[in-house]
PDB file of N, CA and C in Angstrom:
ATOM      1  N   MET A   1      25.836  58.775 -63.101  1.00  0.00           N
ATOM      2  CA  MET A   1      25.065  59.525 -62.149  1.00  0.00           C
ATOM      3  C   MET A   1      25.721  59.416 -60.776  1.00  0.00           C
ATOM      4  N   ASN A   2      26.010  60.541 -60.189  1.00  0.00           N
ATOM      5  CA  ASN A   2      26.613  60.581 -58.861  1.00  0.00           C
ATOM      6  C   ASN A   2      25.535  60.535 -57.805  1.00  0.00           C
ATOM      7  N   LYS A   3      25.737  59.677 -56.823  1.00  0.00           N
ATOM      8  CA  LYS A   3      24.809  59.588 -55.699  1.00  0.00           C
ATOM      9  C   LYS A   3      25.584  59.815 -54.411  1.00  0.00           C
ATOM     10  N   ASP A   4      24.946  60.455 -53.472  1.00  0.00           N
ATOM     11  CA  ASP A   4      25.536  60.555 -52.145  1.00  0.00           C
ATOM     12  C   ASP A   4      25.295  59.232 -51.440  1.00  0.00           C
ATOM     13  N   ILE A   5      26.339  58.733 -50.798  1.00  0.00           N
ATOM     14  CA  ILE A   5      26.211  57.485 -50.046  1.00  0.00           C
ATOM     15  C   ILE A   5      26.820  57.670 -48.667  1.00  0.00           C
ATOM     16  N   ALA A   6      26.415  56.817 -47.800  1.00  0.00           N
ATOM     17  CA  ALA A   6      27.001  56.780 -46.455  1.00  0.00           C
ATOM     18  C   ALA A   6      27.378  55.336 -46.162  1.00  0.00           C
ATOM     19  N   VAL A   7      28.534  55.162 -45.565  1.00  0.00           N
ATOM     20  CA  VAL A   7      29.001  53.838 -45.196  1.00  0.00           C
ATOM     21  C   VAL A   7      29.428  53.895 -43.736  1.00  0.00           C
ATOM     22  N   ILE A   8      28.952  52.954 -42.958  1.00  0.00           N
ATOM     23  CA  ILE A   8      29.309  52.892 -41.537  1.00  0.00           C
ATOM     24  C   ILE A   8      30.062  51.595 -41.292  1.00  0.00           C
ATOM     25  N   PHE A   9      31.201  51.701 -40.645  1.00  0.00           N
ATOM     26  CA  PHE A   9      32.015  50.538 -40.310  1.00  0.00           C
ATOM     27  C   PHE A   9      32.201  50.440 -38.811  1.00  0.00           C
ATOM     28  N   ASP A  10      32.231  49.244 -38.332  1.00  0.00           N
ATOM     29  CA  ASP A  10      32.725  48.981 -36.980  1.00  0.00           C
ATOM     30  C   ASP A  10      34.230  48.850 -37.150  1.00  0.00           C
ATOM     31  N   PHE A  11      34.971  49.781 -36.629  1.00  0.00           N
ATOM     32  CA  PHE A  11      36.412  49.863 -36.863  1.00  0.00           C
ATOM     33  C   PHE A  11      37.155  48.607 -36.405  1.00  0.00           C
ATOM     34  N   ASN A  12      36.965  48.239 -35.153  1.00  0.00           N
ATOM     35  CA  ASN A  12      37.704  47.112 -34.572  1.00  0.00           C
ATOM     36  C   ASN A  12      37.128  45.795 -35.067  1.00  0.00           C
ATOM     37  N   GLY A  13      37.985  44.982 -35.665  1.00  0.00           N
ATOM     38  CA  GLY A  13      37.562  43.687 -36.155  1.00  0.00           C
ATOM     39  C   GLY A  13      36.938  43.734 -37.539  1.00  0.00           C
ATOM     40  N   THR A  14      36.808  44.920 -38.100  1.00  0.00           N
ATOM     41  CA  THR A  14      36.286  45.078 -39.458  1.00  0.00           C
ATOM     42  C   THR A  14      37.334  45.753 -40.334  1.00  0.00           C
ATOM     43  N   CYS A  15      37.785  46.914 -39.925  1.00  0.00           N
ATOM     44  CA  CYS A  15      38.799  47.645 -40.681  1.00  0.00           C
ATOM     45  C   CYS A  15      40.215  47.218 -40.278  1.00  0.00           C
ATOM     46  N   ILE A  16      40.400  46.959 -39.016  1.00  0.00           N
ATOM     47  CA  ILE A  16      41.677  46.421 -38.515  1.00  0.00           C
ATOM     48  C   ILE A  16      41.354  45.306 -37.520  1.00  0.00           C
ATOM     49  N   PHE A  17      42.314  44.439 -37.338  1.00  0.00           N
ATOM     50  CA  PHE A  17      42.143  43.338 -36.395  1.00  0.00           C
ATOM     51  C   PHE A  17      43.097  43.583 -35.231  1.00  0.00           C
ATOM     52  N   ASP A  18      42.541  44.145 -34.176  1.00  0.00           N
ATOM     53  CA  ASP A  18      43.350  44.624 -33.056  1.00  0.00           C
ATOM     54  C   ASP A  18      42.977  43.976 -31.730  1.00  0.00           C
ATOM     55  N   GLY A  19      42.320  42.846 -31.786  1.00  0.00           N
ATOM     56  CA  GLY A  19      41.886  42.180 -30.561  1.00  0.00           C
ATOM     57  C   GLY A  19      43.020  41.895 -29.601  1.00  0.00           C
ATOM     58  N   LYS A  20      44.163  41.488 -30.131  1.00  0.00           N
ATOM     59  CA  LYS A  20      45.307  41.186 -29.264  1.00  0.00           C
ATOM     60  C   LYS A  20      45.812  42.438 -28.551  1.00  0.00           C
ATOM     61  N   LEU A  21      45.682  43.592 -29.187  1.00  0.00           N
ATOM     62  CA  LEU A  21      46.080  44.840 -28.526  1.00  0.00           C
ATOM     63  C   LEU A  21      45.138  45.171 -27.371  1.00  0.00           C
ATOM     64  N   HIS A  22      43.854  44.918 -27.561  1.00  0.00           N
ATOM     65  CA  HIS A  22      42.902  45.128 -26.460  1.00  0.00           C
ATOM     66  C   HIS A  22      43.203  44.159 -25.314  1.00  0.00           C
ATOM     67  N   ASP A  23      43.484  42.906 -25.657  1.00  0.00           N
ATOM     68  CA  ASP A  23      43.836  41.919 -24.621  1.00  0.00           C
ATOM     69  C   ASP A  23      45.065  42.369 -23.843  1.00  0.00           C
ATOM     70  N   GLN A  24      46.081  42.850 -24.573  1.00  0.00           N
ATOM     71  CA  GLN A  24      47.315  43.308 -23.917  1.00  0.00           C
ATOM     72  C   GLN A  24      47.044  44.531 -23.050  1.00  0.00           C
ATOM     73  N   ALA A  25      46.195  45.442 -23.522  1.00  0.00           N
ATOM     74  CA  ALA A  25      45.865  46.624 -22.730  1.00  0.00           C
ATOM     75  C   ALA A  25      45.155  46.220 -21.441  1.00  0.00           C
ATOM     76  N   TRP A  26      44.200  45.284 -21.547  1.00  0.00           N
ATOM     77  CA  TRP A  26      43.524  44.806 -20.334  1.00  0.00           C
ATOM     78  C   TRP A  26      44.522  44.159 -19.394  1.00  0.00           C
ATOM     79  N   LYS A  27      45.375  43.301 -19.922  1.00  0.00           N
ATOM     80  CA  LYS A  27      46.368  42.598 -19.090  1.00  0.00           C
ATOM     81  C   LYS A  27      47.243  43.611 -18.356  1.00  0.00           C
ATOM     82  N   THR A  28      47.775  44.565 -19.089  1.00  0.00           N
ATOM     83  CA  THR A  28      48.642  45.595 -18.503  1.00  0.00           C
ATOM     84  C   THR A  28      47.906  46.380 -17.423  1.00  0.00           C
ATOM     85  N   TYR A  29      46.687  46.805 -17.731  1.00  0.00           N
ATOM     86  CA  TYR A  29      45.948  47.626 -16.784  1.00  0.00           C
ATOM     87  C   TYR A  29      45.511  46.839 -15.555  1.00  0.00           C
ATOM     88  N   ILE A  30      45.018  45.638 -15.747  1.00  0.00           N
ATOM     89  CA  ILE A  30      44.581  44.813 -14.616  1.00  0.00           C
ATOM     90  C   ILE A  30      45.763  44.495 -13.705  1.00  0.00           C
ATOM     91  N   GLU A  31      46.909  44.199 -14.298  1.00  0.00           N
ATOM     92  CA  GLU A  31      48.085  43.903 -13.462  1.00  0.00           C
ATOM     93  C   GLU A  31      48.464  45.101 -12.607  1.00  0.00           C
ATOM     94  N   GLU A  32      48.331  46.290 -13.168  1.00  0.00           N
ATOM     95  CA  GLU A  32      48.617  47.510 -12.409  1.00  0.00           C
ATOM     96  C   GLU A  32      47.541  47.760 -11.354  1.00  0.00           C
ATOM     97  N   LEU A  33      46.301  47.620 -11.751  1.00  0.00           N
ATOM     98  CA  LEU A  33      45.167  47.924 -10.879  1.00  0.00           C
ATOM     99  C   LEU A  33      45.010  46.919  -9.736  1.00  0.00           C
ATOM    100  N   ALA A  34      45.140  45.638 -10.065  1.00  0.00           N
ATOM    101  CA  ALA A  34      44.919  44.584  -9.067  1.00  0.00           C
ATOM    102  C   ALA A  34      46.214  44.135  -8.396  1.00  0.00           C
ATOM    103  N   SER A  35      47.339  44.667  -8.832  1.00  0.00           N
ATOM    104  CA  SER A  35      48.653  44.318  -8.263  1.00  0.00           C
ATOM    105  C   SER A  35      48.913  42.814  -8.286  1.00  0.00           C
ATOM    106  N   ARG A  36      48.606  42.210  -9.431  1.00  0.00           N
ATOM    107  CA  ARG A  36      48.902  40.794  -9.592  1.00  0.00           C
ATOM    108  C   ARG A  36      49.008  40.456 -11.072  1.00  0.00           C
ATOM    109  N   GLU A  37      49.692  39.380 -11.371  1.00  0.00           N
ATOM    110  CA  GLU A  37      49.872  38.941 -12.746  1.00  0.00           C
ATOM    111  C   GLU A  37      48.575  38.347 -13.303  1.00  0.00           C
ATOM    112  N   VAL A  38      48.295  38.648 -14.556  1.00  0.00           N
ATOM    113  CA  VAL A  38      47.171  38.031 -15.264  1.00  0.00           C
ATOM    114  C   VAL A  38      47.756  36.862 -16.051  1.00  0.00           C
ATOM    115  N   LEU A  39      47.294  35.667 -15.733  1.00  0.00           N
ATOM    116  CA  LEU A  39      47.803  34.470 -16.378  1.00  0.00           C
ATOM    117  C   LEU A  39      47.161  34.273 -17.747  1.00  0.00           C
ATOM    118  N   GLY A  40      47.838  33.544 -18.626  1.00  0.00           N
ATOM    119  CA  GLY A  40      47.377  33.346 -19.995  1.00  0.00           C
ATOM    120  C   GLY A  40      45.961  32.826 -20.108  1.00  0.00           C
ATOM    121  N   ASN A  41      45.601  31.836 -19.292  1.00  0.00           N
ATOM    122  CA  ASN A  41      44.242  31.290 -19.368  1.00  0.00           C
ATOM    123  C   ASN A  41      43.196  32.294 -18.899  1.00  0.00           C
ATOM    124  N   GLU A  42      43.581  33.243 -18.055  1.00  0.00           N
ATOM    125  CA  GLU A  42      42.633  34.247 -17.575  1.00  0.00           C
ATOM    126  C   GLU A  42      42.217  35.204 -18.684  1.00  0.00           C
ATOM    127  N   ILE A  43      43.106  35.448 -19.624  1.00  0.00           N
ATOM    128  CA  ILE A  43      42.752  36.312 -20.750  1.00  0.00           C
ATOM    129  C   ILE A  43      41.599  35.679 -21.513  1.00  0.00           C
ATOM    130  N   GLU A  44      41.727  34.407 -21.819  1.00  0.00           N
ATOM    131  CA  GLU A  44      40.675  33.701 -22.559  1.00  0.00           C
ATOM    132  C   GLU A  44      39.406  33.529 -21.717  1.00  0.00           C
ATOM    133  N   ASP A  45      39.564  33.211 -20.457  1.00  0.00           N
ATOM    134  CA  ASP A  45      38.409  32.917 -19.605  1.00  0.00           C
ATOM    135  C   ASP A  45      37.675  34.153 -19.092  1.00  0.00           C
ATOM    136  N   TYR A  46      38.397  35.245 -18.823  1.00  0.00           N
ATOM    137  CA  TYR A  46      37.791  36.377 -18.130  1.00  0.00           C
ATOM    138  C   TYR A  46      37.906  37.721 -18.847  1.00  0.00           C
ATOM    139  N   ILE A  47      38.549  37.754 -20.016  1.00  0.00           N
ATOM    140  CA  ILE A  47      38.673  39.019 -20.745  1.00  0.00           C
ATOM    141  C   ILE A  47      38.004  38.930 -22.119  1.00  0.00           C
ATOM    142  N   ILE A  48      38.412  37.990 -22.935  1.00  0.00           N
ATOM    143  CA  ILE A  48      37.882  37.886 -24.294  1.00  0.00           C
ATOM    144  C   ILE A  48      36.373  37.648 -24.259  1.00  0.00           C
ATOM    145  N   GLY A  49      35.646  38.507 -24.943  1.00  0.00           N
ATOM    146  CA  GLY A  49      34.195  38.382 -25.040  1.00  0.00           C
ATOM    147  C   GLY A  49      33.416  38.913 -23.852  1.00  0.00           C
ATOM    148  N   LYS A  50      34.098  39.499 -22.894  1.00  0.00           N
ATOM    149  CA  LYS A  50      33.436  40.020 -21.691  1.00  0.00           C
ATOM    150  C   LYS A  50      33.296  41.536 -21.772  1.00  0.00           C
ATOM    151  N   THR A  51      32.332  42.058 -21.046  1.00  0.00           N
ATOM    152  CA  THR A  51      32.180  43.513 -20.954  1.00  0.00           C
ATOM    153  C   THR A  51      33.231  44.070 -20.000  1.00  0.00           C
ATOM    154  N   SER A  52      33.444  45.365 -20.099  1.00  0.00           N
ATOM    155  CA  SER A  52      34.386  46.017 -19.179  1.00  0.00           C
ATOM    156  C   SER A  52      33.985  45.777 -17.734  1.00  0.00           C
ATOM    157  N   LYS A  53      32.697  45.880 -17.457  1.00  0.00           N
ATOM    158  CA  LYS A  53      32.198  45.665 -16.093  1.00  0.00           C
ATOM    159  C   LYS A  53      32.533  44.256 -15.614  1.00  0.00           C
ATOM    160  N   GLU A  54      32.276  43.266 -16.444  1.00  0.00           N
ATOM    161  CA  GLU A  54      32.569  41.878 -16.060  1.00  0.00           C
ATOM    162  C   GLU A  54      34.059  41.674 -15.814  1.00  0.00           C
ATOM    163  N   ILE A  55      34.879  42.214 -16.693  1.00  0.00           N
ATOM    164  CA  ILE A  55      36.335  42.075 -16.549  1.00  0.00           C
ATOM    165  C   ILE A  55      36.804  42.710 -15.248  1.00  0.00           C
ATOM    166  N   LEU A  56      36.434  43.948 -15.045  1.00  0.00           N
ATOM    167  CA  LEU A  56      36.902  44.679 -13.873  1.00  0.00           C
ATOM    168  C   LEU A  56      36.403  44.047 -12.577  1.00  0.00           C
ATOM    169  N   GLU A  57      35.130  43.687 -12.523  1.00  0.00           N
ATOM    170  CA  GLU A  57      34.604  43.095 -11.293  1.00  0.00           C
ATOM    171  C   GLU A  57      35.244  41.748 -11.003  1.00  0.00           C
ATOM    172  N   HIS A  58      35.536  40.971 -12.020  1.00  0.00           N
ATOM    173  CA  HIS A  58      36.194  39.690 -11.783  1.00  0.00           C
ATOM    174  C   HIS A  58      37.567  39.901 -11.144  1.00  0.00           C
ATOM    175  N   PHE A  59      38.374  40.743 -11.758  1.00  0.00           N
ATOM    176  CA  PHE A  59      39.748  40.903 -11.291  1.00  0.00           C
ATOM    177  C   PHE A  59      39.861  41.725 -10.011  1.00  0.00           C
ATOM    178  N   LEU A  60      38.940  42.643  -9.795  1.00  0.00           N
ATOM    179  CA  LEU A  60      38.990  43.447  -8.574  1.00  0.00           C
ATOM    180  C   LEU A  60      38.267  42.777  -7.415  1.00  0.00           C
ATOM    181  N   GLY A  61      37.292  41.934  -7.735  1.00  0.00           N
ATOM    182  CA  GLY A  61      36.612  41.177  -6.697  1.00  0.00           C
ATOM    183  C   GLY A  61      35.486  41.913  -6.002  1.00  0.00           C
ATOM    184  N   TYR A  62      35.019  43.004  -6.582  1.00  0.00           N
ATOM    185  CA  TYR A  62      33.888  43.702  -5.998  1.00  0.00           C
ATOM    186  C   TYR A  62      33.070  44.373  -7.101  1.00  0.00           C
ATOM    187  N   GLU A  63      31.817  44.692  -6.763  1.00  0.00           N
ATOM    188  CA  GLU A  63      30.904  45.305  -7.720  1.00  0.00           C
ATOM    189  C   GLU A  63      31.261  46.770  -7.931  1.00  0.00           C
ATOM    190  N   LEU A  64      31.146  47.214  -9.170  1.00  0.00           N
ATOM    191  CA  LEU A  64      31.463  48.594  -9.527  1.00  0.00           C
ATOM    192  C   LEU A  64      30.210  49.300 -10.040  1.00  0.00           C
ATOM    193  N   ASN A  65      30.088  50.583  -9.716  1.00  0.00           N
ATOM    194  CA  ASN A  65      28.993  51.348 -10.305  1.00  0.00           C
ATOM    195  C   ASN A  65      29.408  51.807 -11.708  1.00  0.00           C
ATOM    196  N   ASP A  66      28.453  52.322 -12.465  1.00  0.00           N
ATOM    197  CA  ASP A  66      28.724  52.699 -13.856  1.00  0.00           C
ATOM    198  C   ASP A  66      29.809  53.756 -13.974  1.00  0.00           C
ATOM    199  N   ASN A  67      29.834  54.694 -13.060  1.00  0.00           N
ATOM    200  CA  ASN A  67      30.845  55.741 -13.090  1.00  0.00           C
ATOM    201  C   ASN A  67      32.255  55.153 -12.930  1.00  0.00           C
ATOM    202  N   MET A  68      32.400  54.218 -12.022  1.00  0.00           N
ATOM    203  CA  MET A  68      33.694  53.572 -11.805  1.00  0.00           C
ATOM    204  C   MET A  68      34.107  52.758 -13.033  1.00  0.00           C
ATOM    205  N   VAL A  69      33.153  52.018 -13.603  1.00  0.00           N
ATOM    206  CA  VAL A  69      33.446  51.224 -14.806  1.00  0.00           C
ATOM    207  C   VAL A  69      33.916  52.142 -15.927  1.00  0.00           C
ATOM    208  N   ASN A  70      33.225  53.259 -16.115  1.00  0.00           N
ATOM    209  CA  ASN A  70      33.617  54.208 -17.167  1.00  0.00           C
ATOM    210  C   ASN A  70      35.002  54.779 -16.927  1.00  0.00           C
ATOM    211  N   GLN A  71      35.279  55.130 -15.697  1.00  0.00           N
ATOM    212  CA  GLN A  71      36.586  55.704 -15.359  1.00  0.00           C
ATOM    213  C   GLN A  71      37.700  54.684 -15.600  1.00  0.00           C
ATOM    214  N   PHE A  72      37.527  53.467 -15.109  1.00  0.00           N
ATOM    215  CA  PHE A  72      38.536  52.419 -15.305  1.00  0.00           C
ATOM    216  C   PHE A  72      38.677  52.065 -16.786  1.00  0.00           C
ATOM    217  N   SER A  73      37.557  52.021 -17.501  1.00  0.00           N
ATOM    218  CA  SER A  73      37.589  51.677 -18.926  1.00  0.00           C
ATOM    219  C   SER A  73      38.341  52.727 -19.739  1.00  0.00           C
ATOM    220  N   GLU A  74      38.184  53.983 -19.373  1.00  0.00           N
ATOM    221  CA  GLU A  74      38.907  55.055 -20.059  1.00  0.00           C
ATOM    222  C   GLU A  74      40.415  54.888 -19.884  1.00  0.00           C
ATOM    223  N   GLU A  75      40.826  54.481 -18.707  1.00  0.00           N
ATOM    224  CA  GLU A  75      42.256  54.266 -18.472  1.00  0.00           C
ATOM    225  C   GLU A  75      42.760  53.092 -19.304  1.00  0.00           C
ATOM    226  N   LYS A  76      41.982  52.035 -19.386  1.00  0.00           N
ATOM    227  CA  LYS A  76      42.361  50.894 -20.234  1.00  0.00           C
ATOM    228  C   LYS A  76      42.470  51.342 -21.685  1.00  0.00           C
ATOM    229  N   GLU A  77      41.524  52.177 -22.144  1.00  0.00           N
ATOM    230  CA  GLU A  77      41.559  52.668 -23.525  1.00  0.00           C
ATOM    231  C   GLU A  77      42.784  53.537 -23.778  1.00  0.00           C
ATOM    232  N   ARG A  78      43.212  54.286 -22.781  1.00  0.00           N
ATOM    233  CA  ARG A  78      44.441  55.088 -22.917  1.00  0.00           C
ATOM    234  C   ARG A  78      45.627  54.173 -23.189  1.00  0.00           C
ATOM    235  N   ILE A  79      45.704  53.082 -22.459  1.00  0.00           N
ATOM    236  CA  ILE A  79      46.784  52.107 -22.658  1.00  0.00           C
ATOM    237  C   ILE A  79      46.672  51.478 -24.042  1.00  0.00           C
ATOM    238  N   TYR A  80      45.450  51.131 -24.455  1.00  0.00           N
ATOM    239  CA  TYR A  80      45.222  50.560 -25.786  1.00  0.00           C
ATOM    240  C   TYR A  80      45.725  51.518 -26.868  1.00  0.00           C
ATOM    241  N   ARG A  81      45.401  52.803 -26.752  1.00  0.00           N
ATOM    242  CA  ARG A  81      45.816  53.771 -27.779  1.00  0.00           C
ATOM    243  C   ARG A  81      47.335  53.892 -27.857  1.00  0.00           C
ATOM    244  N   ILE A  82      48.013  53.791 -26.736  1.00  0.00           N
ATOM    245  CA  ILE A  82      49.479  53.811 -26.735  1.00  0.00           C
ATOM    246  C   ILE A  82      50.006  52.585 -27.472  1.00  0.00           C
ATOM    247  N   LEU A  83      49.445  51.415 -27.167  1.00  0.00           N
ATOM    248  CA  LEU A  83      49.861  50.186 -27.840  1.00  0.00           C
ATOM    249  C   LEU A  83      49.569  50.258 -29.338  1.00  0.00           C
ATOM    250  N   LEU A  84      48.415  50.772 -29.704  1.00  0.00           N
ATOM    251  CA  LEU A  84      48.038  50.883 -31.112  1.00  0.00           C
ATOM    252  C   LEU A  84      48.992  51.795 -31.869  1.00  0.00           C
ATOM    253  N   ALA A  85      49.383  52.909 -31.251  1.00  0.00           N
ATOM    254  CA  ALA A  85      50.296  53.852 -31.899  1.00  0.00           C
ATOM    255  C   ALA A  85      51.657  53.224 -32.176  1.00  0.00           C
ATOM    256  N   LYS A  86      52.050  52.265 -31.357  1.00  0.00           N
ATOM    257  CA  LYS A  86      53.350  51.606 -31.519  1.00  0.00           C
ATOM    258  C   LYS A  86      53.281  50.373 -32.418  1.00  0.00           C
ATOM    259  N   ALA A  87      52.078  49.885 -32.683  1.00  0.00           N
ATOM    260  CA  ALA A  87      51.893  48.634 -33.416  1.00  0.00           C
ATOM    261  C   ALA A  87      51.928  48.868 -34.925  1.00  0.00           C
ATOM    262  N   ASP A  88      52.284  47.829 -35.631  1.00  0.00           N
ATOM    263  CA  ASP A  88      52.257  47.844 -37.089  1.00  0.00           C
ATOM    264  C   ASP A  88      50.938  47.217 -37.532  1.00  0.00           C
ATOM    265  N   VAL A  89      49.877  47.999 -37.447  1.00  0.00           N
ATOM    266  CA  VAL A  89      48.540  47.507 -37.751  1.00  0.00           C
ATOM    267  C   VAL A  89      48.226  47.815 -39.209  1.00  0.00           C
ATOM    268  N   LYS A  90      47.769  46.824 -39.907  1.00  0.00           N
ATOM    269  CA  LYS A  90      47.417  46.963 -41.317  1.00  0.00           C
ATOM    270  C   LYS A  90      45.892  46.969 -41.456  1.00  0.00           C
ATOM    271  N   LEU A  91      45.421  47.636 -42.502  1.00  0.00           N
ATOM    272  CA  LEU A  91      43.999  47.582 -42.819  1.00  0.00           C
ATOM    273  C   LEU A  91      43.620  46.173 -43.241  1.00  0.00           C
ATOM    274  N   ALA A  92      42.388  45.811 -43.010  1.00  0.00           N
ATOM    275  CA  ALA A  92      41.889  44.506 -43.428  1.00  0.00           C
ATOM    276  C   ALA A  92      42.094  44.356 -44.939  1.00  0.00           C
ATOM    277  N   GLU A  93      42.374  43.137 -45.350  1.00  0.00           N
ATOM    278  CA  GLU A  93      42.619  42.854 -46.763  1.00  0.00           C
ATOM    279  C   GLU A  93      41.428  43.303 -47.612  1.00  0.00           C
ATOM    280  N   GLY A  94      41.708  44.068 -48.638  1.00  0.00           N
ATOM    281  CA  GLY A  94      40.680  44.542 -49.555  1.00  0.00           C
ATOM    282  C   GLY A  94      40.005  45.835 -49.141  1.00  0.00           C
ATOM    283  N   LEU A  95      40.226  46.296 -47.914  1.00  0.00           N
ATOM    284  CA  LEU A  95      39.545  47.496 -47.439  1.00  0.00           C
ATOM    285  C   LEU A  95      39.975  48.740 -48.211  1.00  0.00           C
ATOM    286  N   GLU A  96      41.263  48.895 -48.433  1.00  0.00           N
ATOM    287  CA  GLU A  96      41.743  50.085 -49.140  1.00  0.00           C
ATOM    288  C   GLU A  96      41.136  50.163 -50.543  1.00  0.00           C
ATOM    289  N   GLU A  97      41.107  49.049 -51.235  1.00  0.00           N
ATOM    290  CA  GLU A  97      40.521  49.022 -52.578  1.00  0.00           C
ATOM    291  C   GLU A  97      39.015  49.323 -52.526  1.00  0.00           C
ATOM    292  N   PHE A  98      38.341  48.770 -51.523  1.00  0.00           N
ATOM    293  CA  PHE A  98      36.913  49.021 -51.368  1.00  0.00           C
ATOM    294  C   PHE A  98      36.643  50.493 -51.112  1.00  0.00           C
ATOM    295  N   LEU A  99      37.425  51.104 -50.238  1.00  0.00           N
ATOM    296  CA  LEU A  99      37.241  52.516 -49.942  1.00  0.00           C
ATOM    297  C   LEU A  99      37.521  53.373 -51.180  1.00  0.00           C
ATOM    298  N   ASP A 100      38.574  53.023 -51.933  1.00  0.00           N
ATOM    299  CA  ASP A 100      38.857  53.716 -53.184  1.00  0.00           C
ATOM    300  C   ASP A 100      37.685  53.601 -54.144  1.00  0.00           C
ATOM    301  N   TYR A 101      37.111  52.417 -54.235  1.00  0.00           N
ATOM    302  CA  TYR A 101      35.972  52.176 -55.124  1.00  0.00           C
ATOM    303  C   TYR A 101      34.784  53.056 -54.719  1.00  0.00           C
ATOM    304  N   ILE A 102      34.500  53.096 -53.429  1.00  0.00           N
ATOM    305  CA  ILE A 102      33.374  53.898 -52.938  1.00  0.00           C
ATOM    306  C   ILE A 102      33.574  55.371 -53.302  1.00  0.00           C
ATOM    307  N   VAL A 103      34.783  55.852 -53.112  1.00  0.00           N
ATOM    308  CA  VAL A 103      35.060  57.274 -53.340  1.00  0.00           C
ATOM    309  C   VAL A 103      35.031  57.609 -54.837  1.00  0.00           C
ATOM    310  N   THR A 104      35.590  56.758 -55.667  1.00  0.00           N
ATOM    311  CA  THR A 104      35.727  57.090 -57.085  1.00  0.00           C
ATOM    312  C   THR A 104      34.529  56.669 -57.931  1.00  0.00           C
ATOM    313  N   ASP A 105      33.785  55.660 -57.509  1.00  0.00           N
ATOM    314  CA  ASP A 105      32.702  55.142 -58.342  1.00  0.00           C
ATOM    315  C   ASP A 105      31.302  55.492 -57.845  1.00  0.00           C
ATOM    316  N   SER A 106      31.214  56.313 -56.815  1.00  0.00           N
ATOM    317  CA  SER A 106      29.867  56.622 -56.317  1.00  0.00           C
ATOM    318  C   SER A 106      29.431  57.997 -56.746  1.00  0.00           C
TER     319      SER A 106
END
């Protein structure tokens, strides 16, 4: 019996593990935006696990409105997409087989 199914995935960290690419995109963008080097410990302390607003306000040193956060975040995402296109990113282990199973056995 065939059933219609729907599957929703959180792409980042579920289908691919691209956290380091996001970290690199933030580092690259912040260095350009703030005109200073982002040190290794700052990535762990002020980027990983933080919201875009928290990251940007920390490195820029002033409060941002939502429009500014969105605009800056879009630029960071542009850098991330460039890095992702150049990276050799693999699907999470077992994902391809799982997707095949869903398509052929549902």
